[in-house]
Protein backbone atom coordinates (compact mmCIF):
# COMPACT_ATOMS: atom_id res chain seq x y z
CA UNK A 1 55.50 -42.19 27.99
CA UNK A 2 58.90 -40.46 27.47
CA UNK A 3 61.63 -41.50 29.87
CA UNK A 4 62.03 -38.11 31.60
CA UNK A 5 58.31 -38.02 32.37
CA UNK A 6 58.54 -41.54 33.73
CA UNK A 7 61.44 -40.52 35.96
CA UNK A 8 59.41 -37.57 37.23
CA UNK A 9 56.41 -39.77 38.02
CA UNK A 10 58.58 -42.31 39.84
CA UNK A 11 60.31 -39.52 41.79
CA UNK A 12 56.99 -38.02 42.87
CA UNK A 13 55.71 -41.42 43.96
CA UNK A 14 58.94 -42.00 45.89
CA UNK A 15 58.54 -38.59 47.54
CA UNK A 16 55.02 -39.50 48.59
CA UNK A 17 56.18 -42.88 49.93
CA UNK A 18 59.03 -41.35 51.95
CA UNK A 19 56.66 -38.70 53.28
CA UNK A 20 54.21 -41.38 54.36
CA UNK A 21 56.85 -42.87 56.69
CA UNK A 22 58.49 -39.57 57.66
CA UNK A 23 57.08 -39.73 61.20
CA UNK A 24 59.33 -42.75 61.79
CA UNK A 25 62.48 -40.84 60.78
CA UNK A 26 64.55 -39.24 63.51
CA UNK A 27 63.85 -35.46 63.51
CA UNK A 28 67.55 -34.66 63.21
CA UNK A 29 67.99 -36.83 60.11
CA UNK A 30 64.78 -35.44 58.67
CA UNK A 31 66.13 -31.92 59.20
CA UNK A 32 69.36 -32.81 57.38
CA UNK A 33 67.44 -34.53 54.57
CA UNK A 34 65.28 -31.46 53.99
CA UNK A 35 68.40 -29.26 54.01
CA UNK A 36 69.97 -31.51 51.38
CA UNK A 37 66.88 -31.26 49.19
CA UNK A 38 66.76 -27.45 49.37
CA UNK A 39 70.46 -27.22 48.51
CA UNK A 40 69.98 -29.58 45.55
CA UNK A 41 67.27 -27.30 44.15
CA UNK A 42 69.53 -24.27 44.56
CA UNK A 43 72.55 -25.97 43.02
CA UNK A 44 70.69 -27.50 40.06
CA UNK A 45 69.00 -24.19 39.25
CA UNK A 46 72.28 -22.25 39.41
CA UNK A 47 73.94 -24.93 37.27
CA UNK A 48 71.55 -24.03 34.46
CA UNK A 49 73.00 -20.50 34.46
CA UNK A 50 76.64 -21.08 35.39
CA UNK A 51 77.13 -24.59 34.07
CA UNK A 52 75.01 -24.95 30.95
CA UNK A 53 74.84 -21.34 29.74
CA UNK A 54 78.39 -20.40 30.72
CA UNK A 55 77.56 -17.31 32.78
CA UNK A 56 78.83 -16.53 36.26
CA UNK A 57 76.13 -15.42 38.68
CA UNK A 58 76.86 -14.54 42.30
CA UNK A 59 73.35 -13.43 43.17
CA UNK A 60 71.47 -16.69 43.62
CA UNK A 61 70.91 -16.05 47.32
CA UNK A 62 69.18 -12.82 46.32
CA UNK A 63 66.62 -14.74 44.25
CA UNK A 64 66.26 -17.21 47.11
CA UNK A 65 65.46 -14.35 49.48
CA UNK A 66 62.85 -12.88 47.12
CA UNK A 67 61.13 -16.26 46.97
CA UNK A 68 61.38 -16.78 50.72
CA UNK A 69 59.86 -13.40 51.56
CA UNK A 70 57.26 -13.65 48.80
CA UNK A 71 56.04 -17.08 49.86
CA UNK A 72 56.12 -16.16 53.55
CA UNK A 73 54.11 -12.98 52.87
CA UNK A 74 51.42 -15.00 51.07
CA UNK A 75 51.18 -17.51 53.93
CA UNK A 76 51.21 -14.89 56.69
CA UNK A 77 49.00 -12.20 55.20
CA UNK A 78 46.70 -14.04 52.79
CA UNK A 79 46.67 -17.49 54.40
CA UNK A 80 44.47 -16.63 57.41
CA UNK A 81 41.91 -14.95 55.14
CA UNK A 82 41.76 -17.89 52.75
CA UNK A 83 41.92 -20.74 55.29
CA UNK A 84 39.73 -19.18 57.98
CA UNK A 85 40.16 -19.24 61.73
CA UNK A 86 40.29 -23.05 61.96
CA UNK A 87 43.31 -23.19 59.62
CA UNK A 88 41.54 -25.20 56.94
CA UNK A 89 41.91 -28.85 56.00
CA UNK A 90 45.19 -30.55 55.08
CA UNK A 91 44.24 -30.33 51.39
CA UNK A 92 43.49 -26.61 51.68
CA UNK A 93 46.80 -26.02 53.45
CA UNK A 94 48.62 -27.98 50.76
CA UNK A 95 47.02 -25.96 47.97
CA UNK A 96 47.74 -22.78 49.90
CA UNK A 97 51.38 -23.74 50.29
CA UNK A 98 51.69 -24.65 46.61
CA UNK A 99 50.28 -21.26 45.72
CA UNK A 100 52.71 -19.54 48.09
CA UNK A 101 55.70 -21.38 46.60
CA UNK A 102 54.53 -20.55 43.10
CA UNK A 103 54.11 -16.89 44.05
CA UNK A 104 57.59 -16.84 45.59
CA UNK A 105 59.07 -18.47 42.50
CA UNK A 106 57.33 -16.03 40.16
CA UNK A 107 58.48 -13.07 42.25
CA UNK A 108 62.05 -14.36 42.01
CA UNK A 109 61.60 -14.85 38.24
CA UNK A 110 60.51 -11.25 37.86
CA UNK A 111 63.56 -10.19 39.84
CA UNK A 112 65.70 -12.36 37.56
CA UNK A 113 64.13 -10.74 34.51
CA UNK A 114 64.69 -7.26 35.93
CA UNK A 115 68.36 -8.05 36.56
CA UNK A 116 68.88 -10.11 33.42
CA UNK A 117 67.63 -7.72 30.76
CA UNK A 118 70.14 -4.91 31.51
CA UNK A 119 73.04 -7.02 32.79
CA UNK A 120 73.25 -10.22 30.72
CA UNK A 121 74.83 -8.38 27.82
CA UNK A 122 77.86 -8.34 30.09
CA UNK A 123 80.24 -11.28 30.42
CA UNK A 124 82.57 -12.88 32.94
CA UNK A 125 83.72 -10.78 35.87
CA UNK A 126 81.43 -7.88 34.96
CA UNK A 127 78.33 -10.06 35.14
CA UNK A 128 79.52 -11.56 38.43
CA UNK A 129 79.88 -8.08 39.92
CA UNK A 130 76.42 -7.02 38.74
CA UNK A 131 74.73 -10.11 40.20
CA UNK A 132 76.72 -9.71 43.41
CA UNK A 133 75.52 -6.13 43.67
CA UNK A 134 71.93 -7.23 43.05
CA UNK A 135 72.09 -9.74 45.89
CA UNK A 136 73.35 -7.11 48.30
CA UNK A 137 70.73 -4.58 47.16
CA UNK A 138 67.94 -7.07 47.79
CA UNK A 139 69.30 -7.89 51.24
CA UNK A 140 69.49 -4.22 52.22
CA UNK A 141 65.97 -3.57 50.90
CA UNK A 142 64.49 -6.39 52.98
CA UNK A 143 66.49 -5.17 55.95
CA UNK A 144 64.81 -1.76 55.77
CA UNK A 145 61.21 -2.68 54.86
CA UNK A 146 59.30 -2.69 58.14
CA UNK A 147 56.28 -4.32 56.51
CA UNK A 148 58.44 -7.44 56.07
CA UNK A 149 59.95 -7.31 59.54
CA UNK A 150 62.96 -5.16 58.77
CA UNK A 151 66.25 -6.35 60.24
CA UNK A 152 64.39 -8.78 62.54
CA UNK A 153 62.88 -10.58 59.58
CA UNK A 154 59.59 -12.47 59.45
CA UNK A 155 58.61 -14.79 62.29
CA UNK A 156 55.74 -17.18 62.84
CA UNK A 157 55.77 -18.55 59.29
CA UNK A 158 53.55 -21.67 59.10
CA UNK A 159 55.53 -24.93 59.13
CA UNK A 160 54.16 -26.18 55.82
CA UNK A 161 57.41 -27.60 54.44
CA UNK A 162 57.58 -31.39 54.58
CA UNK A 163 59.86 -33.96 53.04
CA UNK A 164 57.26 -34.55 50.31
CA UNK A 165 57.29 -30.93 49.13
CA UNK A 166 61.09 -30.76 49.17
CA UNK A 167 61.59 -34.01 47.24
CA UNK A 168 58.80 -33.09 44.82
CA UNK A 169 60.48 -29.79 43.97
CA UNK A 170 63.86 -31.53 43.70
CA UNK A 171 62.33 -33.87 41.13
CA UNK A 172 60.65 -30.98 39.31
CA UNK A 173 63.86 -28.91 39.20
CA UNK A 174 65.98 -31.78 37.89
CA UNK A 175 63.27 -32.75 35.38
CA UNK A 176 62.90 -29.18 34.08
CA UNK A 177 66.62 -28.52 33.69
CA UNK A 178 67.30 -31.92 32.09
CA UNK A 179 64.45 -31.67 29.58
CA UNK A 180 65.28 -28.06 28.79
CA UNK A 181 68.98 -28.69 28.16
CA UNK A 182 68.29 -31.73 25.97
CA UNK A 183 65.56 -30.03 23.97
CA UNK A 184 66.11 -28.32 20.62
CA UNK A 185 65.68 -24.94 22.29
CA UNK A 186 68.04 -25.93 25.10
CA UNK A 187 70.88 -26.54 22.66
CA UNK A 188 71.04 -22.78 22.43
CA UNK A 189 72.24 -22.71 26.04
CA UNK A 190 75.11 -25.06 25.22
CA UNK A 191 75.98 -23.13 22.07
CA UNK A 192 76.05 -19.90 24.08
CA UNK A 193 78.40 -21.51 26.57
CA UNK A 194 80.73 -23.04 23.95
CA UNK A 195 81.19 -19.97 21.76
CA UNK A 196 78.95 -16.95 22.16
CA UNK A 197 80.46 -15.06 19.20
CA UNK A 198 80.01 -18.00 16.82
CA UNK A 199 76.47 -18.55 18.09
CA UNK A 200 75.55 -14.95 17.33
CA UNK A 201 77.20 -15.27 13.92
CA UNK A 202 74.82 -18.08 12.93
CA UNK A 203 71.79 -16.12 14.12
CA UNK A 204 71.28 -17.18 17.74
CA UNK A 205 70.10 -14.48 20.12
CA UNK A 206 72.45 -15.39 22.96
CA UNK A 207 71.10 -12.66 25.24
CA UNK A 208 67.62 -14.21 25.04
CA UNK A 209 68.98 -17.65 25.95
CA UNK A 210 70.85 -16.22 28.90
CA UNK A 211 67.76 -14.36 30.13
CA UNK A 212 65.59 -17.50 29.85
CA UNK A 213 68.15 -19.52 31.82
CA UNK A 214 68.39 -16.74 34.38
CA UNK A 215 64.60 -16.54 34.85
CA UNK A 216 64.12 -20.30 35.16
CA UNK A 217 67.04 -20.58 37.58
CA UNK A 218 65.62 -17.71 39.62
CA UNK A 219 62.19 -19.38 39.78
CA UNK A 220 63.56 -22.54 41.39
CA UNK A 221 65.81 -20.51 43.69
CA UNK A 222 62.69 -18.64 44.82
CA UNK A 223 60.81 -21.90 45.36
CA UNK A 224 63.76 -23.20 47.42
CA UNK A 225 63.61 -20.00 49.46
CA UNK A 226 59.91 -20.57 50.10
CA UNK A 227 60.58 -24.13 51.26
CA UNK A 228 63.38 -22.87 53.49
CA UNK A 229 61.23 -20.18 55.10
CA UNK A 230 58.33 -22.52 55.79
CA UNK A 231 60.74 -25.05 57.26
CA UNK A 232 62.71 -22.74 59.55
CA UNK A 233 59.53 -20.70 60.33
CA UNK A 234 61.63 -17.54 60.49
CA UNK A 235 63.73 -15.68 57.92
CA UNK A 236 66.10 -12.72 58.24
CA UNK A 237 67.95 -10.73 55.55
CA UNK A 238 71.33 -11.89 56.90
CA UNK A 239 70.42 -15.48 56.05
CA UNK A 240 70.67 -14.65 52.33
CA UNK A 241 73.93 -12.76 52.20
CA UNK A 242 76.96 -13.07 49.92
CA UNK A 243 78.21 -16.11 51.85
CA UNK A 244 75.09 -18.08 50.91
CA UNK A 245 75.60 -17.30 47.22
CA UNK A 246 79.21 -18.46 47.41
CA UNK A 247 78.08 -21.66 49.12
CA UNK A 248 75.77 -22.45 46.19
CA UNK A 249 78.45 -21.57 43.62
CA UNK A 250 80.90 -23.94 45.36
CA UNK A 251 78.38 -26.78 45.01
CA UNK A 252 78.15 -26.17 41.27
CA UNK A 253 81.92 -25.90 40.79
CA UNK A 254 82.69 -28.90 42.97
CA UNK A 255 80.08 -31.03 41.21
CA UNK A 256 81.35 -30.10 37.76
CA UNK A 257 79.96 -27.27 35.67
CA UNK A 258 77.16 -28.51 33.43
CA UNK A 259 76.91 -31.87 35.19
CA UNK A 260 73.53 -32.35 36.85
CA UNK A 261 74.40 -35.60 38.61
CA UNK A 262 77.69 -34.20 39.87
CA UNK A 263 76.03 -31.04 41.18
CA UNK A 264 73.46 -33.13 43.07
CA UNK A 265 76.22 -35.22 44.65
CA UNK A 266 78.18 -32.09 45.56
CA UNK A 267 75.11 -30.54 47.20
CA UNK A 268 74.66 -33.70 49.27
CA UNK A 269 78.34 -33.78 50.26
CA UNK A 270 78.57 -30.11 51.21
CA UNK A 271 75.40 -30.34 53.28
CA UNK A 272 76.55 -33.44 55.14
CA UNK A 273 80.17 -32.36 55.67
CA UNK A 274 79.45 -29.67 58.30
CA UNK A 275 77.21 -32.14 60.13
CA UNK A 276 79.94 -34.80 60.14
CA UNK A 277 82.38 -32.24 61.54
CA UNK A 278 79.96 -31.04 64.20
CA UNK A 279 81.71 -33.00 67.06
CA UNK A 280 84.73 -30.75 66.55
CA UNK A 281 82.67 -27.58 66.20
CA UNK A 282 85.49 -25.19 67.06
CA UNK A 283 87.55 -26.45 64.11
CA UNK A 284 84.68 -27.34 61.82
CA UNK A 285 84.82 -24.38 59.44
CA UNK A 286 88.64 -24.48 59.25
CA UNK A 287 88.63 -28.16 58.26
CA UNK A 288 85.68 -27.58 55.92
CA UNK A 289 87.54 -24.76 54.15
CA UNK A 290 90.78 -26.76 53.92
CA UNK A 291 88.94 -29.72 52.41
CA UNK A 292 87.40 -27.46 49.77
CA UNK A 293 90.82 -26.04 48.91
CA UNK A 294 92.33 -29.53 48.59
CA UNK A 295 89.43 -30.75 46.47
CA UNK A 296 89.69 -27.75 44.14
CA UNK A 297 93.44 -28.29 43.73
CA UNK A 298 93.14 -32.04 43.15
CA UNK A 299 89.99 -31.89 40.98
CA UNK A 300 89.71 -28.42 39.39
CA UNK A 301 87.27 -29.81 36.81
CA UNK A 302 84.91 -30.84 39.59
CA UNK A 303 84.95 -33.73 42.03
CA UNK A 304 82.06 -35.54 40.32
CA UNK A 305 82.63 -34.49 36.72
CA UNK A 306 82.58 -37.97 35.25
CA UNK A 307 81.10 -39.22 32.00
CA UNK A 308 78.00 -41.40 32.19
CA UNK A 309 77.50 -43.00 28.81
CA UNK A 310 76.56 -40.40 26.24
CA UNK A 311 75.75 -37.62 28.67
CA UNK A 312 76.69 -36.29 32.07
CA UNK A 313 73.13 -35.50 33.01
CA UNK A 314 70.12 -37.54 33.97
């Protein structure tokens, strides 16, 4: 069995084991742990676009919102019909939730494809502005669609998210990105990042590589949105605004662009930091912002951008 597949199997077994004892974990720590897992999925998926393919997307929260609303709609509107009045068995609920997350991820992928085809011929600041505009368009659309709750959002979403589902999707996201980047096809991502003009000169369709990275990144962002919605049990358009996209981008930059391990560590750090500063709540965001500024000045290449043997990824 190839090593990446072995890692995935071990990670899934570890997720199952942790989930088995999750009732013994303090609810607060469990809440933080689930938040860390969701942020890891978001950061790793954005790293495929920004880090490995060399693009600069500011619309990841938009894809997250599409997945959150898509998965929530499946659970709220189709779930009762499929599970019946008694709510179904635990296995039925699990399969239902997996289907909802998949639907949310696919909806986000379609959104990524719709944005990627016309916009990924652009580069740098222009692409950033297009993706930023997309994120704001999606937020305004959800804010004005009464079927999806409008400005009040969707409430009463089933609490299907557990530590098992979060850790399982973390493992799947890391596995997918790692295998893709280290595959023959994935080398096209790195070539696109290193020198797009030279890559096109030797026959690589760089636009296709960028679109594929965009779609895969959007899928996992959508799945993370589905996990988030079924954990918080309520979602509103304001929860997926420009600030959320910047938060994810900071995780990628702080972890080191194109460094999967570093991005994971940065996601953990930036999720824990606000919690550590919670006792001084009135100064929390000021200190948090100052620490980010200092870290970016001291380590512009990324706080965790170290070399691990032959590669910087898993």
